[in-house]
């Protein structure tokens, strides 16, 4: 429900039965990304150097960070490309 100027939380009513049958049906299929597509990883050199420099300057043996990028299907439709082009050192908080 939308009320101008504020948001109102909503909830679903309680029910005693599920709306679908949870019993598995049919054959098992693979859902892994490499099952249907050929993956390719592309990493920008500047991002790798920045992450390496941050790791060397960090005093802790282990630290957390983020590598950000984009995932795209190739033009031929047969493969996917993960392009990592940004580095975020995160926060120590």
N, C-alpha and C. Protein backbone atom coordinates (compact mmCIF):
# COMPACT_ATOMS: atom_id res chain seq x y z
N UNK A 1 0.85 -1.18 0.00
CA UNK A 1 0.00 0.00 0.00
C UNK A 1 0.88 1.22 0.00
N UNK A 2 0.63 2.17 -0.91
CA UNK A 2 1.43 3.38 -1.01
C UNK A 2 0.69 4.54 -0.38
N UNK A 3 1.36 5.17 0.57
CA UNK A 3 0.81 6.36 1.20
C UNK A 3 1.79 7.49 0.91
N UNK A 4 1.34 8.57 0.26
CA UNK A 4 2.28 9.65 -0.07
C UNK A 4 3.00 10.18 1.16
N UNK A 5 4.31 10.34 1.02
CA UNK A 5 5.11 10.91 2.11
C UNK A 5 5.70 9.89 3.06
N UNK A 6 5.25 8.63 3.04
CA UNK A 6 5.82 7.62 3.93
C UNK A 6 5.58 6.24 3.36
N UNK A 7 6.42 5.32 3.78
CA UNK A 7 6.27 3.94 3.32
C UNK A 7 5.63 3.12 4.43
N UNK A 8 4.76 2.22 4.04
CA UNK A 8 4.05 1.37 5.00
C UNK A 8 4.46 -0.08 4.75
N UNK A 9 4.96 -0.80 5.78
CA UNK A 9 5.33 -2.19 5.58
C UNK A 9 4.11 -3.06 5.31
N UNK A 10 4.29 -4.13 4.57
CA UNK A 10 3.20 -5.05 4.30
C UNK A 10 3.62 -6.45 4.71
N UNK A 11 2.65 -7.31 4.89
CA UNK A 11 2.95 -8.69 5.26
C UNK A 11 1.92 -9.60 4.60
N UNK A 12 2.34 -10.86 4.43
CA UNK A 12 1.44 -11.85 3.85
C UNK A 12 0.67 -12.53 4.96
N UNK A 13 -0.57 -12.91 4.71
CA UNK A 13 -1.35 -13.59 5.76
C UNK A 13 -0.77 -14.98 6.04
N UNK A 14 -0.92 -15.44 7.26
CA UNK A 14 -0.46 -16.77 7.64
C UNK A 14 -1.33 -17.82 6.95
N UNK A 15 -0.74 -18.94 6.58
CA UNK A 15 -1.50 -20.03 5.97
C UNK A 15 -1.03 -21.35 6.54
N UNK A 16 -1.90 -22.34 6.48
CA UNK A 16 -1.57 -23.66 7.00
C UNK A 16 -1.02 -24.58 5.93
N UNK A 17 -1.10 -24.18 4.67
CA UNK A 17 -0.58 -25.04 3.61
C UNK A 17 0.20 -24.20 2.59
N UNK A 18 1.13 -24.84 1.91
CA UNK A 18 1.93 -24.16 0.90
C UNK A 18 1.12 -24.04 -0.38
N UNK A 19 1.48 -23.08 -1.20
CA UNK A 19 0.78 -22.86 -2.46
C UNK A 19 1.31 -23.75 -3.58
N UNK A 20 2.38 -24.52 -3.31
CA UNK A 20 2.94 -25.43 -4.30
C UNK A 20 3.41 -26.69 -3.61
N UNK A 21 3.58 -27.73 -4.38
CA UNK A 21 4.04 -29.01 -3.85
C UNK A 21 5.57 -29.00 -3.80
N UNK A 22 6.18 -29.10 -2.61
CA UNK A 22 7.63 -29.01 -2.50
C UNK A 22 8.39 -30.29 -2.89
N UNK A 23 7.69 -31.34 -3.30
CA UNK A 23 8.34 -32.60 -3.66
C UNK A 23 9.02 -32.43 -5.02
N UNK A 24 10.32 -32.81 -5.14
CA UNK A 24 11.02 -32.67 -6.43
C UNK A 24 10.37 -33.52 -7.52
N UNK A 25 10.34 -32.97 -8.74
CA UNK A 25 9.78 -33.70 -9.88
C UNK A 25 10.76 -33.65 -11.04
N UNK A 26 10.90 -34.72 -11.78
CA UNK A 26 11.75 -34.73 -12.96
C UNK A 26 13.19 -35.05 -12.65
N UNK A 27 14.01 -34.99 -13.73
CA UNK A 27 15.43 -35.29 -13.62
C UNK A 27 16.20 -34.11 -13.04
N UNK A 28 17.34 -34.42 -12.44
CA UNK A 28 18.22 -33.40 -11.91
C UNK A 28 18.96 -32.75 -13.07
N UNK A 29 19.05 -31.43 -13.06
CA UNK A 29 19.81 -30.73 -14.10
C UNK A 29 20.91 -29.90 -13.43
N UNK A 30 21.97 -29.67 -14.15
CA UNK A 30 23.06 -28.85 -13.64
C UNK A 30 22.71 -27.37 -13.76
N UNK A 31 22.99 -26.61 -12.74
CA UNK A 31 22.70 -25.18 -12.76
C UNK A 31 23.98 -24.36 -12.65
N UNK A 32 25.12 -25.00 -12.82
CA UNK A 32 26.39 -24.28 -12.70
C UNK A 32 26.61 -23.43 -13.95
N UNK A 33 27.23 -22.28 -13.78
CA UNK A 33 27.39 -21.33 -14.88
C UNK A 33 28.22 -21.91 -16.02
N UNK A 34 29.16 -22.81 -15.72
CA UNK A 34 30.00 -23.38 -16.78
C UNK A 34 29.33 -24.56 -17.48
N UNK A 35 28.17 -24.98 -17.01
CA UNK A 35 27.47 -26.11 -17.63
C UNK A 35 26.98 -25.75 -19.03
N UNK A 36 26.50 -24.52 -19.20
CA UNK A 36 25.94 -24.10 -20.48
C UNK A 36 26.82 -23.11 -21.24
N UNK A 37 27.72 -22.42 -20.56
CA UNK A 37 28.49 -21.36 -21.20
C UNK A 37 29.98 -21.53 -20.91
N UNK A 38 30.81 -20.98 -21.79
CA UNK A 38 32.25 -20.98 -21.60
C UNK A 38 32.64 -19.67 -20.92
N UNK A 39 33.08 -19.71 -19.67
CA UNK A 39 33.40 -18.46 -18.95
C UNK A 39 34.77 -17.91 -19.34
N UNK A 40 34.89 -16.59 -19.29
CA UNK A 40 36.15 -15.91 -19.54
C UNK A 40 36.28 -14.80 -18.51
N UNK A 41 37.43 -14.71 -17.88
CA UNK A 41 37.68 -13.69 -16.87
C UNK A 41 38.63 -12.66 -17.44
N UNK A 42 38.25 -11.40 -17.34
CA UNK A 42 39.08 -10.30 -17.80
C UNK A 42 39.31 -9.36 -16.62
N UNK A 43 40.58 -9.12 -16.30
CA UNK A 43 40.93 -8.28 -15.16
C UNK A 43 41.79 -7.12 -15.64
N UNK A 44 41.35 -5.90 -15.33
CA UNK A 44 42.09 -4.71 -15.73
C UNK A 44 43.38 -4.64 -14.91
N UNK A 45 44.51 -4.42 -15.56
CA UNK A 45 45.81 -4.42 -14.90
C UNK A 45 45.88 -3.38 -13.79
N UNK A 46 45.33 -2.21 -14.02
CA UNK A 46 45.35 -1.15 -13.02
C UNK A 46 44.65 -1.59 -11.73
N UNK A 47 43.56 -2.31 -11.87
CA UNK A 47 42.81 -2.82 -10.71
C UNK A 47 43.64 -3.84 -9.94
N UNK A 48 44.30 -4.73 -10.67
CA UNK A 48 45.14 -5.73 -10.03
C UNK A 48 46.31 -5.09 -9.30
N UNK A 49 46.95 -4.11 -9.91
CA UNK A 49 48.07 -3.42 -9.26
C UNK A 49 47.62 -2.68 -8.00
N UNK A 50 46.45 -2.06 -8.05
CA UNK A 50 45.92 -1.35 -6.89
C UNK A 50 45.63 -2.32 -5.74
N UNK A 51 45.04 -3.46 -6.05
CA UNK A 51 44.76 -4.47 -5.02
C UNK A 51 46.05 -5.02 -4.43
N UNK A 52 47.05 -5.25 -5.28
CA UNK A 52 48.34 -5.76 -4.82
C UNK A 52 49.03 -4.76 -3.89
N UNK A 53 49.01 -3.49 -4.28
CA UNK A 53 49.63 -2.45 -3.46
C UNK A 53 48.92 -2.34 -2.11
N UNK A 54 47.60 -2.42 -2.12
CA UNK A 54 46.84 -2.36 -0.88
C UNK A 54 47.17 -3.55 0.02
N UNK A 55 47.32 -4.72 -0.56
CA UNK A 55 47.64 -5.93 0.22
C UNK A 55 49.03 -5.82 0.85
N UNK A 56 49.99 -5.27 0.09
CA UNK A 56 51.34 -5.12 0.64
C UNK A 56 51.40 -4.10 1.77
N UNK A 57 50.59 -3.04 1.68
CA UNK A 57 50.59 -1.99 2.70
C UNK A 57 49.79 -2.38 3.93
N UNK A 58 48.93 -3.36 3.80
CA UNK A 58 48.09 -3.77 4.92
C UNK A 58 48.92 -4.53 5.95
N UNK A 59 48.78 -4.18 7.20
CA UNK A 59 49.57 -4.80 8.27
C UNK A 59 49.01 -6.16 8.69
N UNK A 60 47.73 -6.37 8.46
CA UNK A 60 47.12 -7.64 8.84
C UNK A 60 47.48 -8.73 7.82
N UNK A 61 47.53 -9.96 8.31
CA UNK A 61 47.84 -11.08 7.42
C UNK A 61 46.68 -11.33 6.46
N UNK A 62 45.46 -11.15 6.95
CA UNK A 62 44.26 -11.37 6.14
C UNK A 62 43.40 -10.11 6.19
N UNK A 63 42.84 -9.72 5.06
CA UNK A 63 41.97 -8.54 5.02
C UNK A 63 40.88 -8.76 3.99
N UNK A 64 39.83 -7.95 4.07
CA UNK A 64 38.71 -8.05 3.15
C UNK A 64 38.73 -6.90 2.16
N UNK A 65 38.27 -7.17 0.95
CA UNK A 65 38.16 -6.13 -0.07
C UNK A 65 37.11 -6.58 -1.09
N UNK A 66 36.80 -5.70 -2.03
CA UNK A 66 35.82 -6.01 -3.06
C UNK A 66 36.45 -5.80 -4.44
N UNK A 67 36.24 -6.72 -5.33
CA UNK A 67 36.58 -6.54 -6.74
C UNK A 67 35.25 -6.46 -7.47
N UNK A 68 35.02 -5.36 -8.16
CA UNK A 68 33.73 -5.11 -8.80
C UNK A 68 33.87 -5.14 -10.31
N UNK A 69 32.85 -5.56 -10.99
CA UNK A 69 32.91 -5.62 -12.44
C UNK A 69 31.56 -5.88 -13.06
N UNK A 70 31.59 -6.33 -14.30
CA UNK A 70 30.36 -6.59 -15.04
C UNK A 70 30.39 -7.99 -15.63
N UNK A 71 29.22 -8.56 -15.80
CA UNK A 71 29.06 -9.88 -16.38
C UNK A 71 28.24 -9.72 -17.66
N UNK A 72 28.76 -10.21 -18.78
CA UNK A 72 28.08 -10.05 -20.07
C UNK A 72 28.13 -11.34 -20.86
N UNK A 73 27.08 -11.57 -21.64
CA UNK A 73 27.04 -12.71 -22.56
C UNK A 73 27.74 -12.30 -23.84
N UNK A 74 28.60 -13.15 -24.36
CA UNK A 74 29.33 -12.85 -25.59
C UNK A 74 28.38 -12.71 -26.78
N UNK A 75 28.84 -12.06 -27.82
CA UNK A 75 28.01 -11.82 -29.01
C UNK A 75 27.52 -13.11 -29.65
N UNK A 76 28.34 -14.15 -29.62
CA UNK A 76 27.92 -15.42 -30.23
C UNK A 76 26.95 -16.20 -29.35
N UNK A 77 26.73 -15.75 -28.12
CA UNK A 77 25.81 -16.42 -27.21
C UNK A 77 26.34 -17.69 -26.59
N UNK A 78 27.57 -18.04 -26.90
CA UNK A 78 28.15 -19.29 -26.39
C UNK A 78 28.96 -19.12 -25.11
N UNK A 79 29.35 -17.91 -24.77
CA UNK A 79 30.19 -17.72 -23.59
C UNK A 79 29.78 -16.49 -22.80
N UNK A 80 30.37 -16.36 -21.64
CA UNK A 80 30.16 -15.19 -20.80
C UNK A 80 31.51 -14.60 -20.43
N UNK A 81 31.54 -13.30 -20.22
CA UNK A 81 32.78 -12.63 -19.84
C UNK A 81 32.54 -11.85 -18.56
N UNK A 82 33.36 -12.12 -17.56
CA UNK A 82 33.35 -11.35 -16.32
C UNK A 82 34.52 -10.39 -16.38
N UNK A 83 34.23 -9.10 -16.44
CA UNK A 83 35.26 -8.07 -16.51
C UNK A 83 35.35 -7.37 -15.17
N UNK A 84 36.48 -7.55 -14.49
CA UNK A 84 36.70 -6.90 -13.19
C UNK A 84 37.52 -5.64 -13.45
N UNK A 85 36.92 -4.49 -13.11
CA UNK A 85 37.58 -3.23 -13.44
C UNK A 85 37.65 -2.24 -12.28
N UNK A 86 37.18 -2.62 -11.10
CA UNK A 86 37.23 -1.71 -9.97
C UNK A 86 37.66 -2.45 -8.70
N UNK A 87 38.36 -1.74 -7.85
CA UNK A 87 38.82 -2.28 -6.57
C UNK A 87 38.32 -1.38 -5.45
N UNK A 88 37.72 -1.99 -4.44
CA UNK A 88 37.23 -1.26 -3.27
C UNK A 88 37.82 -1.93 -2.03
N UNK A 89 38.70 -1.20 -1.29
CA UNK A 89 39.32 -1.81 -0.12
C UNK A 89 38.34 -2.07 1.03
N UNK A 90 37.14 -1.52 0.97
CA UNK A 90 36.17 -1.72 2.03
C UNK A 90 36.49 -0.88 3.25
N UNK A 91 35.85 -1.21 4.35
CA UNK A 91 36.06 -0.48 5.59
C UNK A 91 36.48 -1.44 6.68
N UNK A 92 37.28 -0.94 7.59
CA UNK A 92 37.74 -1.77 8.70
C UNK A 92 36.78 -1.78 9.87
N UNK A 93 35.67 -1.09 9.75
CA UNK A 93 34.71 -0.99 10.85
C UNK A 93 33.87 -2.24 10.91
